[in-house]
Amino acid sequence: MARGKFEYWRSEDGLVLLQGWAQDGLTDLQIAERIGVNRATLYDWKKRFPAISDALKKGKEVVDYEVQNVLLEKALSGDTTALIFWLKNRRPDKWRDHPEPQGDSDALKKAKDLLGSIDSVID
């Protein structure tokens, strides 16, 4: 990895560009391709250098809020699809298609797994 290239992405100009690409909606893979590194290298940089990670998060956060605001506006204006999407994601305890039964879901899964293994032994 060339030191100059590596250092550029930690500079103010490089961080602004990373944030802008994230704000434009590019995925980490697309950003890595634009930088000229593989995705694993970008992930490594995000772990090692908080400034790179923060720039990408800030860029994505802006877009996420913009989309959230549009979805909310559509839901409040009566768009049924937006209403359903909002409720299923914001209130899954009441609005999901198949609500989970009350109680410890991990314990229920373990019990089902145990019963399944008992059935396989019996067969």
PDB file of N, CA and C in Angstrom:
ATOM      1  N   MET A   1       0.848  -1.160   0.000  1.00  0.00           N
ATOM      2  CA  MET A   1       0.000   0.000   0.000  1.00  0.00           C
ATOM      3  C   MET A   1       0.896   1.227   0.000  1.00  0.00           C
ATOM      4  N   ALA A   2       0.676   2.085  -0.912  1.00  0.00           N
ATOM      5  CA  ALA A   2       1.505   3.277  -1.041  1.00  0.00           C
ATOM      6  C   ALA A   2       1.198   4.263   0.082  1.00  0.00           C
ATOM      7  N   ARG A   3       2.226   4.712   0.744  1.00  0.00           N
ATOM      8  CA  ARG A   3       2.046   5.598   1.890  1.00  0.00           C
ATOM      9  C   ARG A   3       1.320   6.882   1.492  1.00  0.00           C
ATOM     10  N   GLY A   4       1.653   7.457   0.340  1.00  0.00           N
ATOM     11  CA  GLY A   4       1.004   8.683  -0.092  1.00  0.00           C
ATOM     12  C   GLY A   4      -0.496   8.519  -0.248  1.00  0.00           C
ATOM     13  N   LYS A   5      -0.917   7.423  -0.860  1.00  0.00           N
ATOM     14  CA  LYS A   5      -2.334   7.154  -1.057  1.00  0.00           C
ATOM     15  C   LYS A   5      -3.026   6.988   0.291  1.00  0.00           C
ATOM     16  N   PHE A   6      -2.394   6.234   1.168  1.00  0.00           N
ATOM     17  CA  PHE A   6      -2.940   5.973   2.482  1.00  0.00           C
ATOM     18  C   PHE A   6      -3.118   7.281   3.269  1.00  0.00           C
ATOM     19  N   GLU A   7      -2.108   8.098   3.255  1.00  0.00           N
ATOM     20  CA  GLU A   7      -2.150   9.353   4.003  1.00  0.00           C
ATOM     21  C   GLU A   7      -3.184  10.319   3.424  1.00  0.00           C
ATOM     22  N   TYR A   8      -3.367  10.290   2.111  1.00  0.00           N
ATOM     23  CA  TYR A   8      -4.328  11.208   1.494  1.00  0.00           C
ATOM     24  C   TYR A   8      -5.718  11.024   2.082  1.00  0.00           C
ATOM     25  N   TRP A   9      -6.137   9.791   2.281  1.00  0.00           N
ATOM     26  CA  TRP A   9      -7.498   9.520   2.749  1.00  0.00           C
ATOM     27  C   TRP A   9      -7.694   9.883   4.219  1.00  0.00           C
ATOM     28  N   ARG A  10      -6.600  10.185   4.914  1.00  0.00           N
ATOM     29  CA  ARG A  10      -6.675  10.675   6.287  1.00  0.00           C
ATOM     30  C   ARG A  10      -6.571  12.194   6.337  1.00  0.00           C
ATOM     31  N   SER A  11      -6.287  12.813   5.186  1.00  0.00           N
ATOM     32  CA  SER A  11      -6.180  14.277   5.140  1.00  0.00           C
ATOM     33  C   SER A  11      -7.585  14.887   5.102  1.00  0.00           C
ATOM     34  N   GLU A  12      -7.651  16.196   5.339  1.00  0.00           N
ATOM     35  CA  GLU A  12      -8.944  16.886   5.323  1.00  0.00           C
ATOM     36  C   GLU A  12      -9.648  16.728   3.977  1.00  0.00           C
ATOM     37  N   ASP A  13      -8.911  16.883   2.877  1.00  0.00           N
ATOM     38  CA  ASP A  13      -9.511  16.733   1.550  1.00  0.00           C
ATOM     39  C   ASP A  13     -10.030  15.316   1.327  1.00  0.00           C
ATOM     40  N   GLY A  14      -9.232  14.322   1.709  1.00  0.00           N
ATOM     41  CA  GLY A  14      -9.639  12.937   1.535  1.00  0.00           C
ATOM     42  C   GLY A  14     -10.869  12.602   2.350  1.00  0.00           C
ATOM     43  N   LEU A  15     -10.921  13.082   3.585  1.00  0.00           N
ATOM     44  CA  LEU A  15     -12.073  12.815   4.451  1.00  0.00           C
ATOM     45  C   LEU A  15     -13.342  13.471   3.919  1.00  0.00           C
ATOM     46  N   VAL A  16     -13.208  14.675   3.392  1.00  0.00           N
ATOM     47  CA  VAL A  16     -14.367  15.356   2.800  1.00  0.00           C
ATOM     48  C   VAL A  16     -14.892  14.560   1.601  1.00  0.00           C
ATOM     49  N   LEU A  17     -13.978  14.068   0.793  1.00  0.00           N
ATOM     50  CA  LEU A  17     -14.383  13.274  -0.372  1.00  0.00           C
ATOM     51  C   LEU A  17     -15.067  11.976   0.064  1.00  0.00           C
ATOM     52  N   LEU A  18     -14.511  11.299   1.052  1.00  0.00           N
ATOM     53  CA  LEU A  18     -15.132  10.071   1.563  1.00  0.00           C
ATOM     54  C   LEU A  18     -16.542  10.351   2.077  1.00  0.00           C
ATOM     55  N   GLN A  19     -16.675  11.424   2.844  1.00  0.00           N
ATOM     56  CA  GLN A  19     -17.988  11.773   3.386  1.00  0.00           C
ATOM     57  C   GLN A  19     -18.969  12.103   2.265  1.00  0.00           C
ATOM     58  N   GLY A  20     -18.501  12.797   1.261  1.00  0.00           N
ATOM     59  CA  GLY A  20     -19.368  13.142   0.126  1.00  0.00           C
ATOM     60  C   GLY A  20     -19.835  11.922  -0.636  1.00  0.00           C
ATOM     61  N   TRP A  21     -18.927  10.968  -0.861  1.00  0.00           N
ATOM     62  CA  TRP A  21     -19.326   9.742  -1.554  1.00  0.00           C
ATOM     63  C   TRP A  21     -20.349   8.963  -0.737  1.00  0.00           C
ATOM     64  N   ALA A  22     -20.144   8.910   0.576  1.00  0.00           N
ATOM     65  CA  ALA A  22     -21.111   8.219   1.436  1.00  0.00           C
ATOM     66  C   ALA A  22     -22.455   8.940   1.393  1.00  0.00           C
ATOM     67  N   GLN A  23     -22.413  10.257   1.392  1.00  0.00           N
ATOM     68  CA  GLN A  23     -23.646  11.045   1.327  1.00  0.00           C
ATOM     69  C   GLN A  23     -24.354  10.857  -0.004  1.00  0.00           C
ATOM     70  N   ASP A  24     -23.586  10.629  -1.062  1.00  0.00           N
ATOM     71  CA  ASP A  24     -24.183  10.369  -2.372  1.00  0.00           C
ATOM     72  C   ASP A  24     -24.820   8.989  -2.457  1.00  0.00           C
ATOM     73  N   GLY A  25     -24.606   8.166  -1.434  1.00  0.00           N
ATOM     74  CA  GLY A  25     -25.245   6.852  -1.405  1.00  0.00           C
ATOM     75  C   GLY A  25     -24.360   5.711  -1.863  1.00  0.00           C
ATOM     76  N   LEU A  26     -23.069   5.972  -2.070  1.00  0.00           N
ATOM     77  CA  LEU A  26     -22.181   4.886  -2.490  1.00  0.00           C
ATOM     78  C   LEU A  26     -21.995   3.892  -1.348  1.00  0.00           C
ATOM     79  N   THR A  27     -21.892   2.626  -1.691  1.00  0.00           N
ATOM     80  CA  THR A  27     -21.635   1.582  -0.700  1.00  0.00           C
ATOM     81  C   THR A  27     -20.147   1.573  -0.367  1.00  0.00           C
ATOM     82  N   ASP A  28     -19.795   0.847   0.696  1.00  0.00           N
ATOM     83  CA  ASP A  28     -18.376   0.725   1.041  1.00  0.00           C
ATOM     84  C   ASP A  28     -17.587   0.093  -0.101  1.00  0.00           C
ATOM     85  N   LEU A  29     -18.176  -0.873  -0.783  1.00  0.00           N
ATOM     86  CA  LEU A  29     -17.489  -1.506  -1.912  1.00  0.00           C
ATOM     87  C   LEU A  29     -17.224  -0.483  -3.016  1.00  0.00           C
ATOM     88  N   GLN A  30     -18.200   0.326  -3.348  1.00  0.00           N
ATOM     89  CA  GLN A  30     -18.032   1.335  -4.392  1.00  0.00           C
ATOM     90  C   GLN A  30     -16.991   2.386  -3.984  1.00  0.00           C
ATOM     91  N   ILE A  31     -16.998   2.762  -2.703  1.00  0.00           N
ATOM     92  CA  ILE A  31     -16.011   3.731  -2.221  1.00  0.00           C
ATOM     93  C   ILE A  31     -14.617   3.127  -2.300  1.00  0.00           C
ATOM     94  N   ALA A  32     -14.482   1.877  -1.875  1.00  0.00           N
ATOM     95  CA  ALA A  32     -13.177   1.202  -1.944  1.00  0.00           C
ATOM     96  C   ALA A  32     -12.673   1.173  -3.388  1.00  0.00           C
ATOM     97  N   GLU A  33     -13.562   0.881  -4.338  1.00  0.00           N
ATOM     98  CA  GLU A  33     -13.172   0.855  -5.746  1.00  0.00           C
ATOM     99  C   GLU A  33     -12.700   2.230  -6.209  1.00  0.00           C
ATOM    100  N   ARG A  34     -13.395   3.290  -5.779  1.00  0.00           N
ATOM    101  CA  ARG A  34     -12.981   4.638  -6.170  1.00  0.00           C
ATOM    102  C   ARG A  34     -11.620   5.002  -5.587  1.00  0.00           C
ATOM    103  N   ILE A  35     -11.354   4.536  -4.367  1.00  0.00           N
ATOM    104  CA  ILE A  35     -10.067   4.793  -3.726  1.00  0.00           C
ATOM    105  C   ILE A  35      -8.964   4.001  -4.410  1.00  0.00           C
ATOM    106  N   GLY A  36      -9.331   2.837  -4.931  1.00  0.00           N
ATOM    107  CA  GLY A  36      -8.342   1.975  -5.562  1.00  0.00           C
ATOM    108  C   GLY A  36      -7.817   0.902  -4.631  1.00  0.00           C
ATOM    109  N   VAL A  37      -8.637   0.526  -3.629  1.00  0.00           N
ATOM    110  CA  VAL A  37      -8.276  -0.545  -2.707  1.00  0.00           C
ATOM    111  C   VAL A  37      -9.422  -1.547  -2.669  1.00  0.00           C
ATOM    112  N   ASN A  38      -9.163  -2.713  -2.073  1.00  0.00           N
ATOM    113  CA  ASN A  38     -10.272  -3.655  -1.945  1.00  0.00           C
ATOM    114  C   ASN A  38     -11.081  -3.326  -0.689  1.00  0.00           C
ATOM    115  N   ARG A  39     -12.254  -3.922  -0.596  1.00  0.00           N
ATOM    116  CA  ARG A  39     -13.161  -3.623   0.507  1.00  0.00           C
ATOM    117  C   ARG A  39     -12.540  -3.959   1.861  1.00  0.00           C
ATOM    118  N   ALA A  40     -11.783  -5.042   1.925  1.00  0.00           N
ATOM    119  CA  ALA A  40     -11.139  -5.434   3.184  1.00  0.00           C
ATOM    120  C   ALA A  40     -10.176  -4.366   3.672  1.00  0.00           C
ATOM    121  N   THR A  41      -9.484  -3.731   2.752  1.00  0.00           N
ATOM    122  CA  THR A  41      -8.562  -2.654   3.131  1.00  0.00           C
ATOM    123  C   THR A  41      -9.339  -1.474   3.698  1.00  0.00           C
ATOM    124  N   LEU A  42     -10.450  -1.133   3.055  1.00  0.00           N
ATOM    125  CA  LEU A  42     -11.268  -0.034   3.563  1.00  0.00           C
ATOM    126  C   LEU A  42     -11.776  -0.368   4.964  1.00  0.00           C
ATOM    127  N   TYR A  43     -12.231  -1.590   5.188  1.00  0.00           N
ATOM    128  CA  TYR A  43     -12.697  -1.994   6.519  1.00  0.00           C
ATOM    129  C   TYR A  43     -11.562  -1.896   7.535  1.00  0.00           C
ATOM    130  N   ASP A  44     -10.378  -2.295   7.127  1.00  0.00           N
ATOM    131  CA  ASP A  44      -9.222  -2.190   8.007  1.00  0.00           C
ATOM    132  C   ASP A  44      -8.956  -0.727   8.363  1.00  0.00           C
ATOM    133  N   TRP A  45      -9.003   0.151   7.377  1.00  0.00           N
ATOM    134  CA  TRP A  45      -8.793   1.569   7.621  1.00  0.00           C
ATOM    135  C   TRP A  45      -9.856   2.119   8.571  1.00  0.00           C
ATOM    136  N   LYS A  46     -11.112   1.688   8.390  1.00  0.00           N
ATOM    137  CA  LYS A  46     -12.185   2.162   9.265  1.00  0.00           C
ATOM    138  C   LYS A  46     -11.935   1.745  10.712  1.00  0.00           C
ATOM    139  N   LYS A  47     -11.397   0.564  10.905  1.00  0.00           N
ATOM    140  CA  LYS A  47     -11.088   0.097  12.266  1.00  0.00           C
ATOM    141  C   LYS A  47      -9.908   0.840  12.861  1.00  0.00           C
ATOM    142  N   ARG A  48      -8.891   1.062  12.052  1.00  0.00           N
ATOM    143  CA  ARG A  48      -7.642   1.652  12.546  1.00  0.00           C
ATOM    144  C   ARG A  48      -7.684   3.171  12.677  1.00  0.00           C
ATOM    145  N   PHE A  49      -8.508   3.816  11.859  1.00  0.00           N
ATOM    146  CA  PHE A  49      -8.492   5.274  11.808  1.00  0.00           C
ATOM    147  C   PHE A  49      -9.903   5.838  12.013  1.00  0.00           C
ATOM    148  N   PRO A  50     -10.193   6.276  13.215  1.00  0.00           N
ATOM    149  CA  PRO A  50     -11.532   6.803  13.514  1.00  0.00           C
ATOM    150  C   PRO A  50     -11.965   7.927  12.582  1.00  0.00           C
ATOM    151  N   ALA A  51     -11.052   8.722  12.091  1.00  0.00           N
ATOM    152  CA  ALA A  51     -11.431   9.836  11.205  1.00  0.00           C
ATOM    153  C   ALA A  51     -12.072   9.308   9.917  1.00  0.00           C
ATOM    154  N   ILE A  52     -11.546   8.227   9.378  1.00  0.00           N
ATOM    155  CA  ILE A  52     -12.122   7.634   8.161  1.00  0.00           C
ATOM    156  C   ILE A  52     -13.496   7.055   8.470  1.00  0.00           C
ATOM    157  N   SER A  53     -13.585   6.310   9.554  1.00  0.00           N
ATOM    158  CA  SER A  53     -14.869   5.729   9.951  1.00  0.00           C
ATOM    159  C   SER A  53     -15.908   6.814  10.195  1.00  0.00           C
ATOM    160  N   ASP A  54     -15.521   7.869  10.906  1.00  0.00           N
ATOM    161  CA  ASP A  54     -16.450   8.961  11.210  1.00  0.00           C
ATOM    162  C   ASP A  54     -16.920   9.683   9.957  1.00  0.00           C
ATOM    163  N   ALA A  55     -16.018   9.905   9.009  1.00  0.00           N
ATOM    164  CA  ALA A  55     -16.389  10.592   7.767  1.00  0.00           C
ATOM    165  C   ALA A  55     -17.448   9.787   7.006  1.00  0.00           C
ATOM    166  N   LEU A  56     -17.247   8.478   6.934  1.00  0.00           N
ATOM    167  CA  LEU A  56     -18.217   7.628   6.236  1.00  0.00           C
ATOM    168  C   LEU A  56     -19.551   7.584   6.982  1.00  0.00           C
ATOM    169  N   LYS A  57     -19.497   7.500   8.304  1.00  0.00           N
ATOM    170  CA  LYS A  57     -20.740   7.479   9.097  1.00  0.00           C
ATOM    171  C   LYS A  57     -21.510   8.784   8.943  1.00  0.00           C
ATOM    172  N   LYS A  58     -20.803   9.906   9.004  1.00  0.00           N
ATOM    173  CA  LYS A  58     -21.465  11.208   8.879  1.00  0.00           C
ATOM    174  C   LYS A  58     -22.138  11.349   7.524  1.00  0.00           C
ATOM    175  N   GLY A  59     -21.460  10.919   6.480  1.00  0.00           N
ATOM    176  CA  GLY A  59     -22.045  11.003   5.146  1.00  0.00           C
ATOM    177  C   GLY A  59     -23.298  10.159   5.014  1.00  0.00           C
ATOM    178  N   LYS A  60     -23.242   8.946   5.550  1.00  0.00           N
ATOM    179  CA  LYS A  60     -24.404   8.049   5.468  1.00  0.00           C
ATOM    180  C   LYS A  60     -25.537   8.547   6.355  1.00  0.00           C
ATOM    181  N   GLU A  61     -25.188   9.135   7.485  1.00  0.00           N
ATOM    182  CA  GLU A  61     -26.193   9.629   8.421  1.00  0.00           C
ATOM    183  C   GLU A  61     -27.050  10.718   7.798  1.00  0.00           C
ATOM    184  N   VAL A  62     -26.421  11.623   7.051  1.00  0.00           N
ATOM    185  CA  VAL A  62     -27.153  12.713   6.396  1.00  0.00           C
ATOM    186  C   VAL A  62     -28.214  12.147   5.459  1.00  0.00           C
ATOM    187  N   VAL A  63     -27.828  11.188   4.641  1.00  0.00           N
ATOM    188  CA  VAL A  63     -28.759  10.598   3.686  1.00  0.00           C
ATOM    189  C   VAL A  63     -29.860   9.832   4.420  1.00  0.00           C
ATOM    190  N   ASP A  64     -29.481   9.099   5.461  1.00  0.00           N
ATOM    191  CA  ASP A  64     -30.480   8.350   6.227  1.00  0.00           C
ATOM    192  C   ASP A  64     -31.554   9.281   6.784  1.00  0.00           C
ATOM    193  N   TYR A  65     -31.140  10.434   7.315  1.00  0.00           N
ATOM    194  CA  TYR A  65     -32.116  11.387   7.846  1.00  0.00           C
ATOM    195  C   TYR A  65     -32.975  11.981   6.747  1.00  0.00           C
ATOM    196  N   GLU A  66     -32.398  12.244   5.599  1.00  0.00           N
ATOM    197  CA  GLU A  66     -33.185  12.779   4.492  1.00  0.00           C
ATOM    198  C   GLU A  66     -34.258  11.784   4.058  1.00  0.00           C
ATOM    199  N   VAL A  67     -33.873  10.513   3.935  1.00  0.00           N
ATOM    200  CA  VAL A  67     -34.835   9.475   3.548  1.00  0.00           C
ATOM    201  C   VAL A  67     -35.893   9.306   4.634  1.00  0.00           C
ATOM    202  N   GLN A  68     -35.457   9.314   5.878  1.00  0.00           N
ATOM    203  CA  GLN A  68     -36.402   9.184   6.985  1.00  0.00           C
ATOM    204  C   GLN A  68     -37.429  10.314   6.958  1.00  0.00           C
ATOM    205  N   ASN A  69     -36.971  11.534   6.691  1.00  0.00           N
ATOM    206  CA  ASN A  69     -37.886  12.674   6.643  1.00  0.00           C
ATOM    207  C   ASN A  69     -38.887  12.545   5.503  1.00  0.00           C
ATOM    208  N   VAL A  70     -38.433  12.082   4.347  1.00  0.00           N
ATOM    209  CA  VAL A  70     -39.345  11.893   3.211  1.00  0.00           C
ATOM    210  C   VAL A  70     -40.371  10.809   3.538  1.00  0.00           C
ATOM    211  N   LEU A  71     -39.898   9.707   4.132  1.00  0.00           N
ATOM    212  CA  LEU A  71     -40.814   8.617   4.511  1.00  0.00           C
ATOM    213  C   LEU A  71     -41.854   9.123   5.504  1.00  0.00           C
ATOM    214  N   LEU A  72     -41.429   9.885   6.493  1.00  0.00           N
ATOM    215  CA  LEU A  72     -42.352  10.419   7.480  1.00  0.00           C
ATOM    216  C   LEU A  72     -43.376  11.343   6.824  1.00  0.00           C
ATOM    217  N   GLU A  73     -42.915  12.219   5.928  1.00  0.00           N
ATOM    218  CA  GLU A  73     -43.845  13.114   5.229  1.00  0.00           C
ATOM    219  C   GLU A  73     -44.887  12.323   4.452  1.00  0.00           C
ATOM    220  N   LYS A  74     -44.434  11.259   3.754  1.00  0.00           N
ATOM    221  CA  LYS A  74     -45.366  10.438   2.982  1.00  0.00           C
ATOM    222  C   LYS A  74     -46.354   9.733   3.905  1.00  0.00           C
ATOM    223  N   ALA A  75     -45.856   9.195   5.029  1.00  0.00           N
ATOM    224  CA  ALA A  75     -46.730   8.504   5.976  1.00  0.00           C
ATOM    225  C   ALA A  75     -47.773   9.471   6.541  1.00  0.00           C
ATOM    226  N   LEU A  76     -47.341  10.658   6.917  1.00  0.00           N
ATOM    227  CA  LEU A  76     -48.259  11.639   7.498  1.00  0.00           C
ATOM    228  C   LEU A  76     -49.257  12.176   6.480  1.00  0.00           C
ATOM    229  N   SER A  77     -48.904  12.096   5.189  1.00  0.00           N
ATOM    230  CA  SER A  77     -49.839  12.562   4.158  1.00  0.00           C
ATOM    231  C   SER A  77     -50.828  11.468   3.767  1.00  0.00           C
ATOM    232  N   GLY A  78     -50.695  10.276   4.371  1.00  0.00           N
ATOM    233  CA  GLY A  78     -51.665   9.211   4.134  1.00  0.00           C
ATOM    234  C   GLY A  78     -51.214   8.136   3.170  1.00  0.00           C
ATOM    235  N   ASP A  79     -49.973   8.140   2.740  1.00  0.00           N
ATOM    236  CA  ASP A  79     -49.462   7.089   1.852  1.00  0.00           C
ATOM    237  C   ASP A  79     -49.471   5.766   2.630  1.00  0.00           C
ATOM    238  N   THR A  80     -50.360   4.855   2.234  1.00  0.00           N
ATOM    239  CA  THR A  80     -50.560   3.606   2.972  1.00  0.00           C
ATOM    240  C   THR A  80     -49.289   2.771   3.057  1.00  0.00           C
ATOM    241  N   THR A  81     -48.559   2.672   1.973  1.00  0.00           N
ATOM    242  CA  THR A  81     -47.323   1.885   1.985  1.00  0.00           C
ATOM    243  C   THR A  81     -46.326   2.472   2.972  1.00  0.00           C
ATOM    244  N   ALA A  82     -46.186   3.782   2.968  1.00  0.00           N
ATOM    245  CA  ALA A  82     -45.268   4.435   3.903  1.00  0.00           C
ATOM    246  C   ALA A  82     -45.725   4.244   5.340  1.00  0.00           C
ATOM    247  N   LEU A  83     -47.043   4.315   5.565  1.00  0.00           N
ATOM    248  CA  LEU A  83     -47.579   4.092   6.910  1.00  0.00           C
ATOM    249  C   LEU A  83     -47.246   2.695   7.411  1.00  0.00           C
ATOM    250  N   ILE A  84     -47.485   1.698   6.571  1.00  0.00           N
ATOM    251  CA  ILE A  84     -47.216   0.312   6.947  1.00  0.00           C
ATOM    252  C   ILE A  84     -45.736   0.123   7.235  1.00  0.00           C
ATOM    253  N   PHE A  85     -44.899   0.614   6.339  1.00  0.00           N
ATOM    254  CA  PHE A  85     -43.445   0.471   6.513  1.00  0.00           C
ATOM    255  C   PHE A  85     -42.998   1.120   7.818  1.00  0.00           C
ATOM    256  N   TRP A  86     -43.473   2.328   8.059  1.00  0.00           N
ATOM    257  CA  TRP A  86     -43.081   3.051   9.269  1.00  0.00           C
ATOM    258  C   TRP A  86     -43.491   2.273  10.524  1.00  0.00           C
ATOM    259  N   LEU A  87     -44.744   1.845  10.563  1.00  0.00           N
ATOM    260  CA  LEU A  87     -45.235   1.158  11.758  1.00  0.00           C
ATOM    261  C   LEU A  87     -44.537  -0.185  11.986  1.00  0.00           C
ATOM    262  N   LYS A  88     -44.313  -0.934  10.924  1.00  0.00           N
ATOM    263  CA  LYS A  88     -43.646  -2.231  11.078  1.00  0.00           C
ATOM    264  C   LYS A  88     -42.221  -2.077  11.588  1.00  0.00           C
ATOM    265  N   ASN A  89     -41.562  -0.989  11.205  1.00  0.00           N
ATOM    266  CA  ASN A  89     -40.186  -0.791  11.630  1.00  0.00           C
ATOM    267  C   ASN A  89     -40.064  -0.031  12.945  1.00  0.00           C
ATOM    268  N   ARG A  90     -40.977   0.869  13.207  1.00  0.00           N
ATOM    269  CA  ARG A  90     -40.893   1.651  14.446  1.00  0.00           C
ATOM    270  C   ARG A  90     -41.621   0.986  15.607  1.00  0.00           C
ATOM    271  N   ARG A  91     -42.628   0.180  15.304  1.00  0.00           N
ATOM    272  CA  ARG A  91     -43.402  -0.480  16.357  1.00  0.00           C
ATOM    273  C   ARG A  91     -43.597  -1.958  16.033  1.00  0.00           C
ATOM    274  N   PRO A  92     -42.511  -2.706  15.869  1.00  0.00           N
ATOM    275  CA  PRO A  92     -42.642  -4.113  15.488  1.00  0.00           C
ATOM    276  C   PRO A  92     -43.379  -4.949  16.529  1.00  0.00           C
ATOM    277  N   ASP A  93     -43.375  -4.500  17.788  1.00  0.00           N
ATOM    278  CA  ASP A  93     -44.087  -5.231  18.834  1.00  0.00           C
ATOM    279  C   ASP A  93     -45.585  -5.284  18.557  1.00  0.00           C
ATOM    280  N   LYS A  94     -46.117  -4.311  17.833  1.00  0.00           N
ATOM    281  CA  LYS A  94     -47.552  -4.273  17.552  1.00  0.00           C
ATOM    282  C   LYS A  94     -47.904  -4.481  16.083  1.00  0.00           C
ATOM    283  N   TRP A  95     -46.974  -4.221  15.170  1.00  0.00           N
ATOM    284  CA  TRP A  95     -47.325  -4.138  13.763  1.00  0.00           C
ATOM    285  C   TRP A  95     -46.613  -5.131  12.852  1.00  0.00           C
ATOM    286  N   ARG A  96     -45.815  -6.032  13.354  1.00  0.00           N
ATOM    287  CA  ARG A  96     -45.158  -6.963  12.449  1.00  0.00           C
ATOM    288  C   ARG A  96     -46.149  -8.023  11.984  1.00  0.00           C
ATOM    289  N   ASP A  97     -45.866  -8.660  10.858  1.00  0.00           N
ATOM    290  CA  ASP A  97     -46.786  -9.647  10.289  1.00  0.00           C
ATOM    291  C   ASP A  97     -46.997 -10.841  11.214  1.00  0.00           C
ATOM    292  N   HIS A  98     -45.924 -11.307  11.826  1.00  0.00           N
ATOM    293  CA  HIS A  98     -45.992 -12.471  12.702  1.00  0.00           C
ATOM    294  C   HIS A  98     -45.357 -12.101  14.037  1.00  0.00           C
ATOM    295  N   PRO A  99     -46.154 -11.542  14.955  1.00  0.00           N
ATOM    296  CA  PRO A  99     -45.559 -11.117  16.220  1.00  0.00           C
ATOM    297  C   PRO A  99     -44.960 -12.297  16.986  1.00  0.00           C
ATOM    298  N   GLU A 100     -43.843 -12.034  17.629  1.00  0.00           N
ATOM    299  CA  GLU A 100     -43.219 -13.079  18.434  1.00  0.00           C
ATOM    300  C   GLU A 100     -44.010 -13.253  19.715  1.00  0.00           C
ATOM    301  N   PRO A 101     -44.129 -14.489  20.180  1.00  0.00           N
ATOM    302  CA  PRO A 101     -44.858 -14.705  21.427  1.00  0.00           C
ATOM    303  C   PRO A 101     -44.148 -14.022  22.594  1.00  0.00           C
ATOM    304  N   GLN A 102     -44.924 -13.657  23.594  1.00  0.00           N
ATOM    305  CA  GLN A 102     -44.356 -13.041  24.788  1.00  0.00           C
ATOM    306  C   GLN A 102     -43.392 -14.004  25.458  1.00  0.00           C
ATOM    307  N   GLY A 103     -42.355 -13.510  26.071  1.00  0.00           N
ATOM    308  CA  GLY A 103     -41.441 -14.368  26.806  1.00  0.00           C
ATOM    309  C   GLY A 103     -40.048 -14.319  26.230  1.00  0.00           C
ATOM    310  N   ASP A 104     -39.215 -15.185  26.721  1.00  0.00           N
ATOM    311  CA  ASP A 104     -37.812 -15.248  26.341  1.00  0.00           C
ATOM    312  C   ASP A 104     -37.673 -15.985  25.018  1.00  0.00           C
ATOM    313  N   SER A 105     -37.447 -15.258  23.938  1.00  0.00           N
ATOM    314  CA  SER A 105     -37.379 -15.888  22.623  1.00  0.00           C
ATOM    315  C   SER A 105     -36.180 -16.825  22.509  1.00  0.00           C
ATOM    316  N   ASP A 106     -35.072 -16.530  23.196  1.00  0.00           N
ATOM    317  CA  ASP A 106     -33.919 -17.437  23.176  1.00  0.00           C
ATOM    318  C   ASP A 106     -34.269 -18.759  23.827  1.00  0.00           C
ATOM    319  N   ALA A 107     -34.998 -18.689  24.924  1.00  0.00           N
ATOM    320  CA  ALA A 107     -35.404 -19.920  25.605  1.00  0.00           C
ATOM    321  C   ALA A 107     -36.361 -20.720  24.737  1.00  0.00           C
ATOM    322  N   LEU A 108     -37.261 -20.039  24.053  1.00  0.00           N
ATOM    323  CA  LEU A 108     -38.194 -20.739  23.163  1.00  0.00           C
ATOM    324  C   LEU A 108     -37.453 -21.419  22.017  1.00  0.00           C
ATOM    325  N   LYS A 109     -36.469 -20.745  21.455  1.00  0.00           N
ATOM    326  CA  LYS A 109     -35.690 -21.341  20.367  1.00  0.00           C
ATOM    327  C   LYS A 109     -34.937 -22.563  20.859  1.00  0.00           C
ATOM    328  N   LYS A 110     -34.326 -22.456  22.037  1.00  0.00           N
ATOM    329  CA  LYS A 110     -33.598 -23.597  22.590  1.00  0.00           C
ATOM    330  C   LYS A 110     -34.533 -24.774  22.827  1.00  0.00           C
ATOM    331  N   ALA A 111     -35.730 -24.492  23.329  1.00  0.00           N
ATOM    332  CA  ALA A 111     -36.705 -25.563  23.573  1.00  0.00           C
ATOM    333  C   ALA A 111     -37.117 -26.226  22.261  1.00  0.00           C
ATOM    334  N   LYS A 112     -37.351 -25.435  21.228  1.00  0.00           N
ATOM    335  CA  LYS A 112     -37.714 -26.007  19.923  1.00  0.00           C
ATOM    336  C   LYS A 112     -36.574 -26.857  19.371  1.00  0.00           C
ATOM    337  N   ASP A 113     -35.334 -26.369  19.503  1.00  0.00           N
ATOM    338  CA  ASP A 113     -34.169 -27.139  19.045  1.00  0.00           C
ATOM    339  C   ASP A 113     -34.061 -28.453  19.800  1.00  0.00           C
ATOM    340  N   LEU A 114     -34.285 -28.416  21.109  1.00  0.00           N
ATOM    341  CA  LEU A 114     -34.215 -29.627  21.931  1.00  0.00           C
ATOM    342  C   LEU A 114     -35.289 -30.619  21.520  1.00  0.00           C
ATOM    343  N   LEU A 115     -36.496 -30.128  21.310  1.00  0.00           N
ATOM    344  CA  LEU A 115     -37.585 -31.007  20.869  1.00  0.00           C
ATOM    345  C   LEU A 115     -37.273 -31.595  19.497  1.00  0.00           C
ATOM    346  N   GLY A 116     -36.694 -30.801  18.617  1.00  0.00           N
ATOM    347  CA  GLY A 116     -36.330 -31.300  17.302  1.00  0.00           C
ATOM    348  C   GLY A 116     -35.275 -32.391  17.393  1.00  0.00           C
ATOM    349  N   SER A 117     -34.309 -32.225  18.269  1.00  0.00           N
ATOM    350  CA  SER A 117     -33.271 -33.255  18.418  1.00  0.00           C
ATOM    351  C   SER A 117     -33.840 -34.521  19.054  1.00  0.00           C
ATOM    352  N   ILE A 118     -34.805 -34.377  19.946  1.00  0.00           N
ATOM    353  CA  ILE A 118     -35.443 -35.556  20.544  1.00  0.00           C
ATOM    354  C   ILE A 118     -36.220 -36.312  19.476  1.00  0.00           C
ATOM    355  N   ASP A 119     -36.954 -35.591  18.635  1.00  0.00           N
ATOM    356  CA  ASP A 119     -37.712 -36.225  17.554  1.00  0.00           C
ATOM    357  C   ASP A 119     -36.799 -36.983  16.613  1.00  0.00           C
ATOM    358  N   SER A 120     -35.628 -36.441  16.319  1.00  0.00           N
ATOM    359  CA  SER A 120     -34.722 -37.113  15.396  1.00  0.00           C
ATOM    360  C   SER A 120     -34.158 -38.384  16.023  1.00  0.00           C
ATOM    361  N   VAL A 121     -33.986 -38.413  17.347  1.00  0.00           N
ATOM    362  CA  VAL A 121     -33.499 -39.604  18.036  1.00  0.00           C
ATOM    363  C   VAL A 121     -34.569 -40.686  18.039  1.00  0.00           C
ATOM    364  N   ILE A 122     -35.813 -40.262  18.211  1.00  0.00           N
ATOM    365  CA  ILE A 122     -36.946 -41.213  18.264  1.00  0.00           C
ATOM    366  C   ILE A 122     -37.168 -41.862  16.899  1.00  0.00           C
ATOM    367  N   ASP A 123     -37.005 -41.085  15.825  1.00  0.00           N
ATOM    368  CA  ASP A 123     -37.229 -41.606  14.463  1.00  0.00           C
ATOM    369  C   ASP A 123     -36.151 -42.537  14.131  1.00  0.00           C
TER     370      ASP A 123
END
